[in-house]
mmCIF file of all heavy atoms, coordinates in Angstrom:
data_MODEL
# 
_entry.id   MODEL 
# 
loop_
_atom_site.group_PDB 
_atom_site.id 
_atom_site.type_symbol 
_atom_site.label_atom_id 
_atom_site.label_alt_id 
_atom_site.label_comp_id 
_atom_site.label_asym_id 
_atom_site.label_entity_id 
_atom_site.label_seq_id 
_atom_site.pdbx_PDB_ins_code 
_atom_site.Cartn_x 
_atom_site.Cartn_y 
_atom_site.Cartn_z 
_atom_site.occupancy 
_atom_site.B_iso_or_equiv 
_atom_site.pdbx_formal_charge 
_atom_site.auth_seq_id 
_atom_site.auth_comp_id 
_atom_site.auth_asym_id 
_atom_site.auth_atom_id 
_atom_site.pdbx_PDB_model_num 
ATOM 1   N N   . SER A 1 1  ? 93.071  114.188 115.903 1.00 0.00 ? 1  SER A N   1 
ATOM 2   C CA  . SER A 1 1  ? 92.497  115.016 114.852 1.00 0.00 ? 1  SER A CA  1 
ATOM 3   C C   . SER A 1 1  ? 93.490  115.151 113.739 1.00 0.00 ? 1  SER A C   1 
ATOM 4   O O   . SER A 1 1  ? 94.722  114.838 113.961 1.00 0.00 ? 1  SER A O   1 
ATOM 5   C CB  . SER A 1 1  ? 92.143  116.408 115.408 1.00 0.00 ? 1  SER A CB  1 
ATOM 6   O OG  . SER A 1 1  ? 93.371  117.062 115.730 1.00 0.00 ? 1  SER A OG  1 
ATOM 7   N N   . GLU A 1 2  ? 93.088  115.681 112.585 1.00 0.00 ? 2  GLU A N   1 
ATOM 8   C CA  . GLU A 1 2  ? 94.018  115.867 111.577 1.00 0.00 ? 2  GLU A CA  1 
ATOM 9   C C   . GLU A 1 2  ? 95.079  116.912 111.968 1.00 0.00 ? 2  GLU A C   1 
ATOM 10  O O   . GLU A 1 2  ? 96.289  116.683 111.636 1.00 0.00 ? 2  GLU A O   1 
ATOM 11  C CB  . GLU A 1 2  ? 93.173  116.408 110.285 1.00 0.00 ? 2  GLU A CB  1 
ATOM 12  C CG  . GLU A 1 2  ? 94.053  116.351 109.015 1.00 0.00 ? 2  GLU A CG  1 
ATOM 13  C CD  . GLU A 1 2  ? 93.219  116.489 107.883 1.00 0.00 ? 2  GLU A CD  1 
ATOM 14  O OE1 . GLU A 1 2  ? 91.989  116.315 107.816 1.00 0.00 ? 2  GLU A OE1 1 
ATOM 15  O OE2 . GLU A 1 2  ? 93.843  116.921 106.765 1.00 0.00 ? 2  GLU A OE2 1 
ATOM 16  N N   . ALA A 1 3  ? 94.755  117.896 112.693 1.00 0.00 ? 3  ALA A N   1 
ATOM 17  C CA  . ALA A 1 3  ? 95.680  118.919 113.078 1.00 0.00 ? 3  ALA A CA  1 
ATOM 18  C C   . ALA A 1 3  ? 96.740  118.302 114.081 1.00 0.00 ? 3  ALA A C   1 
ATOM 19  O O   . ALA A 1 3  ? 97.951  118.547 113.956 1.00 0.00 ? 3  ALA A O   1 
ATOM 20  C CB  . ALA A 1 3  ? 94.993  120.061 113.783 1.00 0.00 ? 3  ALA A CB  1 
ATOM 21  N N   . GLU A 1 4  ? 96.308  117.423 114.931 1.00 0.00 ? 4  GLU A N   1 
ATOM 22  C CA  . GLU A 1 4  ? 97.242  116.716 115.838 1.00 0.00 ? 4  GLU A CA  1 
ATOM 23  C C   . GLU A 1 4  ? 98.203  115.832 115.043 1.00 0.00 ? 4  GLU A C   1 
ATOM 24  O O   . GLU A 1 4  ? 99.373  115.800 115.348 1.00 0.00 ? 4  GLU A O   1 
ATOM 25  C CB  . GLU A 1 4  ? 96.457  115.882 116.831 1.00 0.00 ? 4  GLU A CB  1 
ATOM 26  C CG  . GLU A 1 4  ? 95.767  116.664 117.868 1.00 0.00 ? 4  GLU A CG  1 
ATOM 27  C CD  . GLU A 1 4  ? 94.894  115.794 118.788 1.00 0.00 ? 4  GLU A CD  1 
ATOM 28  O OE1 . GLU A 1 4  ? 94.039  114.916 118.261 1.00 0.00 ? 4  GLU A OE1 1 
ATOM 29  O OE2 . GLU A 1 4  ? 94.936  116.041 120.001 1.00 0.00 ? 4  GLU A OE2 1 
ATOM 30  N N   . ILE A 1 5  ? 97.747  115.104 114.043 1.00 0.00 ? 5  ILE A N   1 
ATOM 31  C CA  . ILE A 1 5  ? 98.547  114.251 113.271 1.00 0.00 ? 5  ILE A CA  1 
ATOM 32  C C   . ILE A 1 5  ? 99.656  115.140 112.508 1.00 0.00 ? 5  ILE A C   1 
ATOM 33  O O   . ILE A 1 5  ? 100.833 114.867 112.524 1.00 0.00 ? 5  ILE A O   1 
ATOM 34  C CB  . ILE A 1 5  ? 97.709  113.472 112.221 1.00 0.00 ? 5  ILE A CB  1 
ATOM 35  C CG1 . ILE A 1 5  ? 96.829  112.490 112.930 1.00 0.00 ? 5  ILE A CG1 1 
ATOM 36  C CG2 . ILE A 1 5  ? 98.676  112.789 111.217 1.00 0.00 ? 5  ILE A CG2 1 
ATOM 37  C CD1 . ILE A 1 5  ? 97.565  111.350 113.658 1.00 0.00 ? 5  ILE A CD1 1 
ATOM 38  N N   . HIS A 1 6  ? 99.227  116.266 111.931 1.00 0.00 ? 6  HIS A N   1 
ATOM 39  C CA  . HIS A 1 6  ? 100.180 117.152 111.184 1.00 0.00 ? 6  HIS A CA  1 
ATOM 40  C C   . HIS A 1 6  ? 101.208 117.754 112.193 1.00 0.00 ? 6  HIS A C   1 
ATOM 41  O O   . HIS A 1 6  ? 102.310 117.876 111.865 1.00 0.00 ? 6  HIS A O   1 
ATOM 42  C CB  . HIS A 1 6  ? 99.419  118.260 110.473 1.00 0.00 ? 6  HIS A CB  1 
ATOM 43  C CG  . HIS A 1 6  ? 98.794  117.684 109.225 1.00 0.00 ? 6  HIS A CG  1 
ATOM 44  N ND1 . HIS A 1 6  ? 99.516  117.347 108.149 1.00 0.00 ? 6  HIS A ND1 1 
ATOM 45  C CD2 . HIS A 1 6  ? 97.492  117.554 108.923 1.00 0.00 ? 6  HIS A CD2 1 
ATOM 46  C CE1 . HIS A 1 6  ? 98.717  116.909 107.147 1.00 0.00 ? 6  HIS A CE1 1 
ATOM 47  N NE2 . HIS A 1 6  ? 97.443  117.073 107.640 1.00 0.00 ? 6  HIS A NE2 1 
ATOM 48  N N   . GLU A 1 7  ? 100.719 118.062 113.400 1.00 0.00 ? 7  GLU A N   1 
ATOM 49  C CA  . GLU A 1 7  ? 101.703 118.540 114.439 1.00 0.00 ? 7  GLU A CA  1 
ATOM 50  C C   . GLU A 1 7  ? 102.767 117.486 114.769 1.00 0.00 ? 7  GLU A C   1 
ATOM 51  O O   . GLU A 1 7  ? 103.891 117.793 114.905 1.00 0.00 ? 7  GLU A O   1 
ATOM 52  C CB  . GLU A 1 7  ? 100.933 118.940 115.659 1.00 0.00 ? 7  GLU A CB  1 
ATOM 53  C CG  . GLU A 1 7  ? 101.836 119.550 116.735 1.00 0.00 ? 7  GLU A CG  1 
ATOM 54  C CD  . GLU A 1 7  ? 101.019 120.043 117.943 1.00 0.00 ? 7  GLU A CD  1 
ATOM 55  O OE1 . GLU A 1 7  ? 99.917  120.381 117.789 1.00 0.00 ? 7  GLU A OE1 1 
ATOM 56  O OE2 . GLU A 1 7  ? 101.624 120.036 119.000 1.00 0.00 ? 7  GLU A OE2 1 
ATOM 57  N N   . LEU A 1 8  ? 102.303 116.165 114.954 1.00 0.00 ? 8  LEU A N   1 
ATOM 58  C CA  . LEU A 1 8  ? 103.175 115.080 115.188 1.00 0.00 ? 8  LEU A CA  1 
ATOM 59  C C   . LEU A 1 8  ? 104.177 114.879 114.067 1.00 0.00 ? 8  LEU A C   1 
ATOM 60  O O   . LEU A 1 8  ? 105.360 114.605 114.341 1.00 0.00 ? 8  LEU A O   1 
ATOM 61  C CB  . LEU A 1 8  ? 102.375 113.810 115.641 1.00 0.00 ? 8  LEU A CB  1 
ATOM 62  C CG  . LEU A 1 8  ? 101.613 113.887 116.875 1.00 0.00 ? 8  LEU A CG  1 
ATOM 63  C CD1 . LEU A 1 8  ? 100.678 112.660 117.009 1.00 0.00 ? 8  LEU A CD1 1 
ATOM 64  C CD2 . LEU A 1 8  ? 102.569 113.969 118.076 1.00 0.00 ? 8  LEU A CD2 1 
ATOM 65  N N   . ILE A 1 9  ? 103.662 115.025 112.936 1.00 0.00 ? 9  ILE A N   1 
ATOM 66  C CA  . ILE A 1 9  ? 104.572 114.880 111.727 1.00 0.00 ? 9  ILE A CA  1 
ATOM 67  C C   . ILE A 1 9  ? 105.596 115.961 111.748 1.00 0.00 ? 9  ILE A C   1 
ATOM 68  O O   . ILE A 1 9  ? 106.798 115.788 111.461 1.00 0.00 ? 9  ILE A O   1 
ATOM 69  C CB  . ILE A 1 9  ? 103.736 114.839 110.406 1.00 0.00 ? 9  ILE A CB  1 
ATOM 70  C CG1 . ILE A 1 9  ? 102.903 113.556 110.303 1.00 0.00 ? 9  ILE A CG1 1 
ATOM 71  C CG2 . ILE A 1 9  ? 104.634 115.030 109.188 1.00 0.00 ? 9  ILE A CG2 1 
ATOM 72  C CD1 . ILE A 1 9  ? 101.901 113.552 109.281 1.00 0.00 ? 9  ILE A CD1 1 
ATOM 73  N N   . ALA A 1 10 ? 105.200 117.267 111.916 1.00 0.00 ? 10 ALA A N   1 
ATOM 74  C CA  . ALA A 1 10 ? 106.048 118.377 112.004 1.00 0.00 ? 10 ALA A CA  1 
ATOM 75  C C   . ALA A 1 10 ? 107.169 118.251 112.981 1.00 0.00 ? 10 ALA A C   1 
ATOM 76  O O   . ALA A 1 10 ? 108.314 118.580 112.777 1.00 0.00 ? 10 ALA A O   1 
ATOM 77  C CB  . ALA A 1 10 ? 105.263 119.721 112.105 1.00 0.00 ? 10 ALA A CB  1 
ATOM 78  N N   . LYS A 1 11 ? 106.800 117.651 114.105 1.00 0.00 ? 11 LYS A N   1 
ATOM 79  C CA  . LYS A 1 11 ? 107.764 117.464 115.193 1.00 0.00 ? 11 LYS A CA  1 
ATOM 80  C C   . LYS A 1 11 ? 108.622 116.222 114.983 1.00 0.00 ? 11 LYS A C   1 
ATOM 81  O O   . LYS A 1 11 ? 109.488 115.974 115.817 1.00 0.00 ? 11 LYS A O   1 
ATOM 82  C CB  . LYS A 1 11 ? 106.941 117.369 116.541 1.00 0.00 ? 11 LYS A CB  1 
ATOM 83  C CG  . LYS A 1 11 ? 106.387 118.634 117.028 1.00 0.00 ? 11 LYS A CG  1 
ATOM 84  C CD  . LYS A 1 11 ? 105.656 118.401 118.359 1.00 0.00 ? 11 LYS A CD  1 
ATOM 85  C CE  . LYS A 1 11 ? 105.021 119.751 118.799 1.00 0.00 ? 11 LYS A CE  1 
ATOM 86  N NZ  . LYS A 1 11 ? 104.309 119.506 120.136 1.00 0.00 ? 11 LYS A NZ  1 
ATOM 87  N N   . LYS A 1 12 ? 108.394 115.469 114.012 1.00 0.00 ? 12 LYS A N   1 
ATOM 88  C CA  . LYS A 1 12 ? 109.053 114.304 113.535 1.00 0.00 ? 12 LYS A CA  1 
ATOM 89  C C   . LYS A 1 12 ? 108.926 113.266 114.653 1.00 0.00 ? 12 LYS A C   1 
ATOM 90  O O   . LYS A 1 12 ? 109.838 112.516 114.966 1.00 0.00 ? 12 LYS A O   1 
ATOM 91  C CB  . LYS A 1 12 ? 110.470 114.530 113.278 1.00 0.00 ? 12 LYS A CB  1 
ATOM 92  C CG  . LYS A 1 12 ? 110.605 115.463 112.011 1.00 0.00 ? 12 LYS A CG  1 
ATOM 93  C CD  . LYS A 1 12 ? 112.031 115.746 111.675 1.00 0.00 ? 12 LYS A CD  1 
ATOM 94  C CE  . LYS A 1 12 ? 111.985 116.692 110.478 1.00 0.00 ? 12 LYS A CE  1 
ATOM 95  N NZ  . LYS A 1 12 ? 113.207 116.875 109.786 1.00 0.00 ? 12 LYS A NZ  1 
ATOM 96  N N   . VAL A 1 13 ? 107.726 113.138 115.263 1.00 0.00 ? 13 VAL A N   1 
ATOM 97  C CA  . VAL A 1 13 ? 107.409 112.130 116.355 1.00 0.00 ? 13 VAL A CA  1 
ATOM 98  C C   . VAL A 1 13 ? 106.705 110.953 115.728 1.00 0.00 ? 13 VAL A C   1 
ATOM 99  O O   . VAL A 1 13 ? 106.976 109.888 116.112 1.00 0.00 ? 13 VAL A O   1 
ATOM 100 C CB  . VAL A 1 13 ? 106.481 112.839 117.435 1.00 0.00 ? 13 VAL A CB  1 
ATOM 101 C CG1 . VAL A 1 13 ? 106.116 111.831 118.409 1.00 0.00 ? 13 VAL A CG1 1 
ATOM 102 C CG2 . VAL A 1 13 ? 107.283 113.926 118.035 1.00 0.00 ? 13 VAL A CG2 1 
ATOM 103 N N   . LEU A 1 14 ? 105.903 111.156 114.666 1.00 0.00 ? 14 LEU A N   1 
ATOM 104 C CA  . LEU A 1 14 ? 105.104 110.058 114.135 1.00 0.00 ? 14 LEU A CA  1 
ATOM 105 C C   . LEU A 1 14 ? 105.901 109.532 112.950 1.00 0.00 ? 14 LEU A C   1 
ATOM 106 O O   . LEU A 1 14 ? 106.272 110.267 112.002 1.00 0.00 ? 14 LEU A O   1 
ATOM 107 C CB  . LEU A 1 14 ? 103.780 110.663 113.636 1.00 0.00 ? 14 LEU A CB  1 
ATOM 108 C CG  . LEU A 1 14 ? 102.739 109.752 113.045 1.00 0.00 ? 14 LEU A CG  1 
ATOM 109 C CD1 . LEU A 1 14 ? 102.278 108.751 114.135 1.00 0.00 ? 14 LEU A CD1 1 
ATOM 110 C CD2 . LEU A 1 14 ? 101.552 110.535 112.500 1.00 0.00 ? 14 LEU A CD2 1 
ATOM 111 N N   . PRO A 1 15 ? 106.043 108.238 112.950 1.00 0.00 ? 15 PRO A N   1 
ATOM 112 C CA  . PRO A 1 15 ? 106.791 107.586 111.850 1.00 0.00 ? 15 PRO A CA  1 
ATOM 113 C C   . PRO A 1 15 ? 106.059 107.663 110.571 1.00 0.00 ? 15 PRO A C   1 
ATOM 114 O O   . PRO A 1 15 ? 104.888 107.377 110.473 1.00 0.00 ? 15 PRO A O   1 
ATOM 115 C CB  . PRO A 1 15 ? 107.029 106.127 112.205 1.00 0.00 ? 15 PRO A CB  1 
ATOM 116 C CG  . PRO A 1 15 ? 106.235 105.929 113.357 1.00 0.00 ? 15 PRO A CG  1 
ATOM 117 C CD  . PRO A 1 15 ? 105.712 107.221 113.970 1.00 0.00 ? 15 PRO A CD  1 
ATOM 118 N N   . HIS A 1 16 ? 106.783 108.250 109.474 1.00 0.00 ? 16 HIS A N   1 
ATOM 119 C CA  . HIS A 1 16 ? 106.123 108.414 108.162 1.00 0.00 ? 16 HIS A CA  1 
ATOM 120 C C   . HIS A 1 16 ? 107.220 108.528 107.153 1.00 0.00 ? 16 HIS A C   1 
ATOM 121 O O   . HIS A 1 16 ? 108.370 108.751 107.466 1.00 0.00 ? 16 HIS A O   1 
ATOM 122 C CB  . HIS A 1 16 ? 105.209 109.658 108.166 1.00 0.00 ? 16 HIS A CB  1 
ATOM 123 C CG  . HIS A 1 16 ? 105.968 110.866 108.237 1.00 0.00 ? 16 HIS A CG  1 
ATOM 124 N ND1 . HIS A 1 16 ? 106.500 111.352 109.453 1.00 0.00 ? 16 HIS A ND1 1 
ATOM 125 C CD2 . HIS A 1 16 ? 106.265 111.878 107.300 1.00 0.00 ? 16 HIS A CD2 1 
ATOM 126 C CE1 . HIS A 1 16 ? 107.106 112.526 109.238 1.00 0.00 ? 16 HIS A CE1 1 
ATOM 127 N NE2 . HIS A 1 16 ? 106.984 112.834 107.984 1.00 0.00 ? 16 HIS A NE2 1 
ATOM 128 N N   . SER A 1 17 ? 106.863 108.481 105.929 1.00 0.00 ? 17 SER A N   1 
ATOM 129 C CA  . SER A 1 17 ? 107.826 108.853 104.884 1.00 0.00 ? 17 SER A CA  1 
ATOM 130 C C   . SER A 1 17 ? 107.017 109.799 103.871 1.00 0.00 ? 17 SER A C   1 
ATOM 131 O O   . SER A 1 17 ? 105.766 109.864 103.872 1.00 0.00 ? 17 SER A O   1 
ATOM 132 C CB  . SER A 1 17 ? 108.256 107.645 104.105 1.00 0.00 ? 17 SER A CB  1 
ATOM 133 O OG  . SER A 1 17 ? 107.236 106.984 103.417 1.00 0.00 ? 17 SER A OG  1 
ATOM 134 N N   . ASN A 1 18 ? 107.756 110.541 103.112 1.00 0.00 ? 18 ASN A N   1 
ATOM 135 C CA  . ASN A 1 18 ? 107.222 111.604 102.226 1.00 0.00 ? 18 ASN A CA  1 
ATOM 136 C C   . ASN A 1 18 ? 107.921 111.442 100.920 1.00 0.00 ? 18 ASN A C   1 
ATOM 137 O O   . ASN A 1 18 ? 108.807 112.196 100.623 1.00 0.00 ? 18 ASN A O   1 
ATOM 138 C CB  . ASN A 1 18 ? 107.444 112.935 102.907 1.00 0.00 ? 18 ASN A CB  1 
ATOM 139 C CG  . ASN A 1 18 ? 106.710 113.988 102.076 1.00 0.00 ? 18 ASN A CG  1 
ATOM 140 O OD1 . ASN A 1 18 ? 106.458 113.930 100.882 1.00 0.00 ? 18 ASN A OD1 1 
ATOM 141 N ND2 . ASN A 1 18 ? 106.268 115.043 102.854 1.00 0.00 ? 18 ASN A ND2 1 
ATOM 142 N N   . PRO A 1 19 ? 107.597 110.398 100.127 1.00 0.00 ? 19 PRO A N   1 
ATOM 143 C CA  . PRO A 1 19 ? 108.257 110.093 98.902  1.00 0.00 ? 19 PRO A CA  1 
ATOM 144 C C   . PRO A 1 19 ? 108.232 111.135 97.891  1.00 0.00 ? 19 PRO A C   1 
ATOM 145 O O   . PRO A 1 19 ? 109.057 111.199 97.024  1.00 0.00 ? 19 PRO A O   1 
ATOM 146 C CB  . PRO A 1 19 ? 107.755 108.708 98.495  1.00 0.00 ? 19 PRO A CB  1 
ATOM 147 C CG  . PRO A 1 19 ? 106.412 108.621 99.057  1.00 0.00 ? 19 PRO A CG  1 
ATOM 148 C CD  . PRO A 1 19 ? 106.488 109.411 100.363 1.00 0.00 ? 19 PRO A CD  1 
ATOM 149 N N   . MET A 1 20 ? 107.085 111.807 97.832  1.00 0.00 ? 20 MET A N   1 
ATOM 150 C CA  . MET A 1 20 ? 106.822 112.947 96.852  1.00 0.00 ? 20 MET A CA  1 
ATOM 151 C C   . MET A 1 20 ? 106.147 114.038 97.577  1.00 0.00 ? 20 MET A C   1 
ATOM 152 O O   . MET A 1 20 ? 105.544 113.831 98.654  1.00 0.00 ? 20 MET A O   1 
ATOM 153 C CB  . MET A 1 20 ? 105.935 112.406 95.740  1.00 0.00 ? 20 MET A CB  1 
ATOM 154 C CG  . MET A 1 20 ? 106.597 111.330 94.903  1.00 0.00 ? 20 MET A CG  1 
ATOM 155 S SD  . MET A 1 20 ? 105.456 110.857 93.473  1.00 0.00 ? 20 MET A SD  1 
ATOM 156 C CE  . MET A 1 20 ? 104.114 110.125 94.360  1.00 0.00 ? 20 MET A CE  1 
ATOM 157 N N   . SER A 1 21 ? 106.248 115.217 97.050  1.00 0.00 ? 21 SER A N   1 
ATOM 158 C CA  . SER A 1 21 ? 105.510 116.425 97.616  1.00 0.00 ? 21 SER A CA  1 
ATOM 159 C C   . SER A 1 21 ? 104.014 116.087 97.745  1.00 0.00 ? 21 SER A C   1 
ATOM 160 O O   . SER A 1 21 ? 103.385 115.554 96.955  1.00 0.00 ? 21 SER A O   1 
ATOM 161 C CB  . SER A 1 21 ? 105.728 117.557 96.675  1.00 0.00 ? 21 SER A CB  1 
ATOM 162 O OG  . SER A 1 21 ? 105.055 118.644 97.150  1.00 0.00 ? 21 SER A OG  1 
ATOM 163 N N   . ASN A 1 22 ? 103.541 116.434 98.928  1.00 0.00 ? 22 ASN A N   1 
ATOM 164 C CA  . ASN A 1 22 ? 102.123 116.267 99.256  1.00 0.00 ? 22 ASN A CA  1 
ATOM 165 C C   . ASN A 1 22 ? 101.605 114.777 99.412  1.00 0.00 ? 22 ASN A C   1 
ATOM 166 O O   . ASN A 1 22 ? 100.452 114.451 99.213  1.00 0.00 ? 22 ASN A O   1 
ATOM 167 C CB  . ASN A 1 22 ? 101.206 117.022 98.239  1.00 0.00 ? 22 ASN A CB  1 
ATOM 168 C CG  . ASN A 1 22 ? 101.426 118.454 98.408  1.00 0.00 ? 22 ASN A CG  1 
ATOM 169 O OD1 . ASN A 1 22 ? 101.752 118.981 99.338  1.00 0.00 ? 22 ASN A OD1 1 
ATOM 170 N ND2 . ASN A 1 22 ? 101.377 119.135 97.199  1.00 0.00 ? 22 ASN A ND2 1 
ATOM 171 N N   . VAL A 1 23 ? 102.586 113.861 99.471  1.00 0.00 ? 23 VAL A N   1 
ATOM 172 C CA  . VAL A 1 23 ? 102.245 112.447 99.641  1.00 0.00 ? 23 VAL A CA  1 
ATOM 173 C C   . VAL A 1 23 ? 102.875 111.910 100.969 1.00 0.00 ? 23 VAL A C   1 
ATOM 174 O O   . VAL A 1 23 ? 104.082 112.010 101.136 1.00 0.00 ? 23 VAL A O   1 
ATOM 175 C CB  . VAL A 1 23 ? 102.787 111.533 98.491  1.00 0.00 ? 23 VAL A CB  1 
ATOM 176 C CG1 . VAL A 1 23 ? 102.478 110.118 98.831  1.00 0.00 ? 23 VAL A CG1 1 
ATOM 177 C CG2 . VAL A 1 23 ? 102.153 112.052 97.204  1.00 0.00 ? 23 VAL A CG2 1 
ATOM 178 N N   . LEU A 1 24 ? 102.026 111.490 101.928 1.00 0.00 ? 24 LEU A N   1 
ATOM 179 C CA  . LEU A 1 24 ? 102.485 110.897 103.114 1.00 0.00 ? 24 LEU A CA  1 
ATOM 180 C C   . LEU A 1 24 ? 102.201 109.482 103.166 1.00 0.00 ? 24 LEU A C   1 
ATOM 181 O O   . LEU A 1 24 ? 101.081 109.037 102.755 1.00 0.00 ? 24 LEU A O   1 
ATOM 182 C CB  . LEU A 1 24 ? 101.793 111.630 104.307 1.00 0.00 ? 24 LEU A CB  1 
ATOM 183 C CG  . LEU A 1 24 ? 102.141 113.040 104.629 1.00 0.00 ? 24 LEU A CG  1 
ATOM 184 C CD1 . LEU A 1 24 ? 101.294 113.707 105.668 1.00 0.00 ? 24 LEU A CD1 1 
ATOM 185 C CD2 . LEU A 1 24 ? 103.648 113.217 105.055 1.00 0.00 ? 24 LEU A CD2 1 
ATOM 186 N N   . VAL A 1 25 ? 103.124 108.639 103.551 1.00 0.00 ? 25 VAL A N   1 
ATOM 187 C CA  . VAL A 1 25 ? 102.979 107.237 103.581 1.00 0.00 ? 25 VAL A CA  1 
ATOM 188 C C   . VAL A 1 25 ? 103.288 106.802 104.990 1.00 0.00 ? 25 VAL A C   1 
ATOM 189 O O   . VAL A 1 25 ? 104.327 107.220 105.624 1.00 0.00 ? 25 VAL A O   1 
ATOM 190 C CB  . VAL A 1 25 ? 103.986 106.490 102.545 1.00 0.00 ? 25 VAL A CB  1 
ATOM 191 C CG1 . VAL A 1 25 ? 103.814 105.009 102.731 1.00 0.00 ? 25 VAL A CG1 1 
ATOM 192 C CG2 . VAL A 1 25 ? 103.670 107.072 101.151 1.00 0.00 ? 25 VAL A CG2 1 
ATOM 193 N N   . PHE A 1 26 ? 102.443 105.907 105.564 1.00 0.00 ? 26 PHE A N   1 
ATOM 194 C CA  . PHE A 1 26 ? 102.603 105.340 106.876 1.00 0.00 ? 26 PHE A CA  1 
ATOM 195 C C   . PHE A 1 26 ? 102.635 103.917 106.861 1.00 0.00 ? 26 PHE A C   1 
ATOM 196 O O   . PHE A 1 26 ? 101.832 103.240 106.273 1.00 0.00 ? 26 PHE A O   1 
ATOM 197 C CB  . PHE A 1 26 ? 101.407 105.779 107.768 1.00 0.00 ? 26 PHE A CB  1 
ATOM 198 C CG  . PHE A 1 26 ? 101.212 107.199 107.840 1.00 0.00 ? 26 PHE A CG  1 
ATOM 199 C CD1 . PHE A 1 26 ? 100.341 107.905 106.954 1.00 0.00 ? 26 PHE A CD1 1 
ATOM 200 C CD2 . PHE A 1 26 ? 101.939 108.031 108.687 1.00 0.00 ? 26 PHE A CD2 1 
ATOM 201 C CE1 . PHE A 1 26 ? 100.076 109.348 107.016 1.00 0.00 ? 26 PHE A CE1 1 
ATOM 202 C CE2 . PHE A 1 26 ? 101.722 109.359 108.745 1.00 0.00 ? 26 PHE A CE2 1 
ATOM 203 C CZ  . PHE A 1 26 ? 100.849 110.064 108.003 1.00 0.00 ? 26 PHE A CZ  1 
ATOM 204 N N   . ASP A 1 27 ? 103.723 103.292 107.454 1.00 0.00 ? 27 ASP A N   1 
ATOM 205 C CA  . ASP A 1 27 ? 103.914 101.815 107.496 1.00 0.00 ? 27 ASP A CA  1 
ATOM 206 C C   . ASP A 1 27 ? 103.165 101.430 108.769 1.00 0.00 ? 27 ASP A C   1 
ATOM 207 O O   . ASP A 1 27 ? 103.562 101.906 109.870 1.00 0.00 ? 27 ASP A O   1 
ATOM 208 C CB  . ASP A 1 27 ? 105.376 101.516 107.552 1.00 0.00 ? 27 ASP A CB  1 
ATOM 209 C CG  . ASP A 1 27 ? 105.782 100.088 107.720 1.00 0.00 ? 27 ASP A CG  1 
ATOM 210 O OD1 . ASP A 1 27 ? 105.050 99.377  108.535 1.00 0.00 ? 27 ASP A OD1 1 
ATOM 211 O OD2 . ASP A 1 27 ? 106.609 99.602  106.998 1.00 0.00 ? 27 ASP A OD2 1 
# 
């Protein structure tokens, strides 16, 4: 779910980058 993804991002478990505020990028 979207909530699960945000939780994984907050825990720094899911690889992502945040080049600008409110922009998430996934390789």
